[in-house]
Amino acid sequence: MNNKSLEYMIVENRIKKKRKARGLTLKQLAEIVGVSNQQISHLENGRRRLSVEWLLRIAEALECQPSDLLVEPGKPHDARERAIIELFRELSEEQQEAFMQAVTALAKLARLRDEVVVGG
């Protein structure tokens, strides 16, 4: 992979998790950073490339280190995620499928709620 490919890779991030942990809405974080809430939403969800400049601005707004906003590929984010992975591995294939359907439904509801907050 060449440098040009790396420049445009989508990087999974923890912006939303850090924002929520600080008790901030999209709108509040956007106001602190000085951008629209849609821009923050696009960055959180990987629909916009997270440049070093964005990373620094958002880390400053969230009062954390830029590295705190990045996810190390292939590693669980925290103890709860590791616990979920372990529980998931103990389930049968049928139970895993039911679990995935339930989690997918929850994620869709969360996205809809976030879209209402962004739009409203």
C-alpha atoms as a PDB file:
ATOM      1  CA  MET A   1       0.000   0.000   0.000  1.00  0.00           C
ATOM      2  CA  ASN A   2       1.487   3.367  -0.949  1.00  0.00           C
ATOM      3  CA  ASN A   3       1.333   6.637   0.995  1.00  0.00           C
ATOM      4  CA  LYS A   4      -1.446   7.997  -1.200  1.00  0.00           C
ATOM      5  CA  SER A   5      -3.649   5.022  -0.242  1.00  0.00           C
ATOM      6  CA  LEU A   6      -2.939   5.598   3.438  1.00  0.00           C
ATOM      7  CA  GLU A   7      -3.829   9.270   3.135  1.00  0.00           C
ATOM      8  CA  TYR A   8      -7.404   8.438   2.198  1.00  0.00           C
ATOM      9  CA  MET A   9      -8.053   5.440   4.435  1.00  0.00           C
ATOM     10  CA  ILE A  10     -11.107   5.624   6.639  1.00  0.00           C
ATOM     11  CA  VAL A  11     -10.013   5.452  10.268  1.00  0.00           C
ATOM     12  CA  GLU A  12     -12.400   4.068  12.850  1.00  0.00           C
ATOM     13  CA  ASN A  13     -12.629   6.474  15.747  1.00  0.00           C
ATOM     14  CA  ARG A  14     -14.027   6.979  19.241  1.00  0.00           C
ATOM     15  CA  ILE A  15     -15.251  10.548  18.812  1.00  0.00           C
ATOM     16  CA  LYS A  16     -18.892   9.694  19.534  1.00  0.00           C
ATOM     17  CA  LYS A  17     -17.969   7.610  22.573  1.00  0.00           C
ATOM     18  CA  LYS A  18     -15.776  10.373  24.011  1.00  0.00           C
ATOM     19  CA  ARG A  19     -18.402  13.032  23.223  1.00  0.00           C
ATOM     20  CA  LYS A  20     -21.135  11.069  24.996  1.00  0.00           C
ATOM     21  CA  ALA A  21     -18.853  10.300  27.935  1.00  0.00           C
ATOM     22  CA  ARG A  22     -18.397  14.057  28.360  1.00  0.00           C
ATOM     23  CA  GLY A  23     -22.186  14.489  28.217  1.00  0.00           C
ATOM     24  CA  LEU A  24     -22.085  16.574  25.048  1.00  0.00           C
ATOM     25  CA  THR A  25     -24.554  16.560  22.168  1.00  0.00           C
ATOM     26  CA  LEU A  26     -23.416  16.765  18.572  1.00  0.00           C
ATOM     27  CA  LYS A  27     -24.498  20.383  18.528  1.00  0.00           C
ATOM     28  CA  GLN A  28     -22.530  21.250  21.659  1.00  0.00           C
ATOM     29  CA  LEU A  29     -19.331  19.639  20.369  1.00  0.00           C
ATOM     30  CA  ALA A  30     -19.805  21.329  17.005  1.00  0.00           C
ATOM     31  CA  GLU A  31     -20.141  24.709  18.717  1.00  0.00           C
ATOM     32  CA  ILE A  32     -16.946  24.135  20.717  1.00  0.00           C
ATOM     33  CA  VAL A  33     -15.042  23.080  17.580  1.00  0.00           C
ATOM     34  CA  GLY A  34     -16.633  25.878  15.533  1.00  0.00           C
ATOM     35  CA  VAL A  35     -18.223  23.736  12.819  1.00  0.00           C
ATOM     36  CA  SER A  36     -21.669  22.373  11.965  1.00  0.00           C
ATOM     37  CA  ASN A  37     -23.103  19.389  13.802  1.00  0.00           C
ATOM     38  CA  GLN A  38     -23.363  17.630  10.421  1.00  0.00           C
ATOM     39  CA  GLN A  39     -19.572  17.860  10.041  1.00  0.00           C
ATOM     40  CA  ILE A  40     -19.063  16.284  13.464  1.00  0.00           C
ATOM     41  CA  SER A  41     -21.606  13.569  12.630  1.00  0.00           C
ATOM     42  CA  HIS A  42     -19.796  12.774   9.368  1.00  0.00           C
ATOM     43  CA  LEU A  43     -16.473  12.527  11.207  1.00  0.00           C
ATOM     44  CA  GLU A  44     -17.924  10.322  13.961  1.00  0.00           C
ATOM     45  CA  ASN A  45     -19.457   7.933  11.474  1.00  0.00           C
ATOM     46  CA  GLY A  46     -16.530   7.784   9.063  1.00  0.00           C
ATOM     47  CA  ARG A  47     -18.347   9.559   6.245  1.00  0.00           C
ATOM     48  CA  ARG A  48     -15.652  12.230   6.249  1.00  0.00           C
ATOM     49  CA  ARG A  49     -11.913  11.633   6.386  1.00  0.00           C
ATOM     50  CA  LEU A  50     -10.455  12.274   9.840  1.00  0.00           C
ATOM     51  CA  SER A  51      -7.367  14.361   9.103  1.00  0.00           C
ATOM     52  CA  VAL A  52      -4.718  15.191  11.679  1.00  0.00           C
ATOM     53  CA  GLU A  53      -6.114  18.727  11.844  1.00  0.00           C
ATOM     54  CA  TRP A  54      -9.616  17.429  12.663  1.00  0.00           C
ATOM     55  CA  LEU A  55      -8.176  14.999  15.191  1.00  0.00           C
ATOM     56  CA  LEU A  56      -6.318  17.799  16.992  1.00  0.00           C
ATOM     57  CA  ARG A  57      -9.305  20.165  17.000  1.00  0.00           C
ATOM     58  CA  ILE A  58     -11.717  17.565  18.334  1.00  0.00           C
ATOM     59  CA  ALA A  59      -9.255  16.230  20.931  1.00  0.00           C
ATOM     60  CA  GLU A  60      -8.787  19.769  22.234  1.00  0.00           C
ATOM     61  CA  ALA A  61     -12.566  20.272  22.406  1.00  0.00           C
ATOM     62  CA  LEU A  62     -13.022  16.961  24.236  1.00  0.00           C
ATOM     63  CA  GLU A  63     -10.038  17.657  26.502  1.00  0.00           C
ATOM     64  CA  CYS A  64      -8.265  14.414  25.636  1.00  0.00           C
ATOM     65  CA  GLN A  65      -5.255  13.205  23.722  1.00  0.00           C
ATOM     66  CA  PRO A  66      -5.694  12.739  19.955  1.00  0.00           C
ATOM     67  CA  SER A  67      -4.726   9.076  20.377  1.00  0.00           C
ATOM     68  CA  ASP A  68      -7.707   8.646  22.737  1.00  0.00           C
ATOM     69  CA  LEU A  69      -9.959   9.232  19.729  1.00  0.00           C
ATOM     70  CA  LEU A  70      -8.456   6.475  17.605  1.00  0.00           C
ATOM     71  CA  VAL A  71      -9.228   2.768  17.668  1.00  0.00           C
ATOM     72  CA  GLU A  72      -6.400   0.310  17.362  1.00  0.00           C
ATOM     73  CA  PRO A  73      -7.499  -2.072  14.590  1.00  0.00           C
ATOM     74  CA  GLY A  74      -8.518  -5.494  15.809  1.00  0.00           C
ATOM     75  CA  LYS A  75      -8.446  -4.675  19.520  1.00  0.00           C
ATOM     76  CA  PRO A  76     -11.516  -4.321  21.741  1.00  0.00           C
ATOM     77  CA  HIS A  77     -12.069  -0.769  22.924  1.00  0.00           C
ATOM     78  CA  ASP A  78     -12.638  -1.475  26.608  1.00  0.00           C
ATOM     79  CA  ALA A  79     -13.523  -4.120  29.210  1.00  0.00           C
ATOM     80  CA  ARG A  80     -17.225  -4.105  28.275  1.00  0.00           C
ATOM     81  CA  GLU A  81     -16.443  -4.769  24.626  1.00  0.00           C
ATOM     82  CA  ARG A  82     -14.089  -7.603  25.570  1.00  0.00           C
ATOM     83  CA  ALA A  83     -16.822  -9.082  27.804  1.00  0.00           C
ATOM     84  CA  ILE A  84     -19.376  -8.890  24.995  1.00  0.00           C
ATOM     85  CA  ILE A  85     -16.979 -10.634  22.618  1.00  0.00           C
ATOM     86  CA  GLU A  86     -16.376 -13.429  25.120  1.00  0.00           C
ATOM     87  CA  LEU A  87     -20.113 -13.883  25.730  1.00  0.00           C
ATOM     88  CA  PHE A  88     -20.781 -13.875  21.981  1.00  0.00           C
ATOM     89  CA  ARG A  89     -18.195 -16.598  21.394  1.00  0.00           C
ATOM     90  CA  GLU A  90     -19.976 -18.857  23.896  1.00  0.00           C
ATOM     91  CA  LEU A  91     -23.282 -18.681  21.997  1.00  0.00           C
ATOM     92  CA  SER A  92     -24.479 -21.191  19.423  1.00  0.00           C
ATOM     93  CA  GLU A  93     -24.678 -20.053  15.780  1.00  0.00           C
ATOM     94  CA  GLU A  94     -28.439 -19.601  16.142  1.00  0.00           C
ATOM     95  CA  GLN A  95     -28.000 -17.528  19.300  1.00  0.00           C
ATOM     96  CA  GLN A  96     -25.275 -15.466  17.630  1.00  0.00           C
ATOM     97  CA  GLU A  97     -27.638 -14.684  14.747  1.00  0.00           C
ATOM     98  CA  ALA A  98     -30.387 -13.591  17.175  1.00  0.00           C
ATOM     99  CA  PHE A  99     -27.842 -11.483  19.045  1.00  0.00           C
ATOM    100  CA  MET A 100     -26.728  -9.793  15.808  1.00  0.00           C
ATOM    101  CA  GLN A 101     -30.329  -9.022  14.845  1.00  0.00           C
ATOM    102  CA  ALA A 102     -31.017  -7.481  18.252  1.00  0.00           C
ATOM    103  CA  VAL A 103     -27.828  -5.401  18.228  1.00  0.00           C
ATOM    104  CA  THR A 104     -28.485  -4.253  14.659  1.00  0.00           C
ATOM    105  CA  ALA A 105     -31.961  -3.101  15.668  1.00  0.00           C
ATOM    106  CA  LEU A 106     -30.534  -1.212  18.669  1.00  0.00           C
ATOM    107  CA  ALA A 107     -27.890   0.443  16.486  1.00  0.00           C
ATOM    108  CA  LYS A 108     -30.546   1.561  13.985  1.00  0.00           C
ATOM    109  CA  LEU A 109     -32.587   3.108  16.796  1.00  0.00           C
ATOM    110  CA  ALA A 110     -29.516   4.926  18.112  1.00  0.00           C
ATOM    111  CA  ARG A 111     -28.711   6.280  14.625  1.00  0.00           C
ATOM    112  CA  LEU A 112     -32.301   7.462  14.192  1.00  0.00           C
ATOM    113  CA  ARG A 113     -32.147   9.199  17.569  1.00  0.00           C
ATOM    114  CA  ASP A 114     -28.850  10.869  16.626  1.00  0.00           C
ATOM    115  CA  GLU A 115     -30.305  11.990  13.287  1.00  0.00           C
ATOM    116  CA  VAL A 116     -33.238  13.590  15.103  1.00  0.00           C
ATOM    117  CA  VAL A 117     -30.786  15.424  17.388  1.00  0.00           C
ATOM    118  CA  VAL A 118     -28.690  16.538  14.381  1.00  0.00           C
ATOM    119  CA  GLY A 119     -31.760  17.669  12.458  1.00  0.00           C
ATOM    120  CA  GLY A 120     -33.527  19.183  15.432  1.00  0.00           C
END
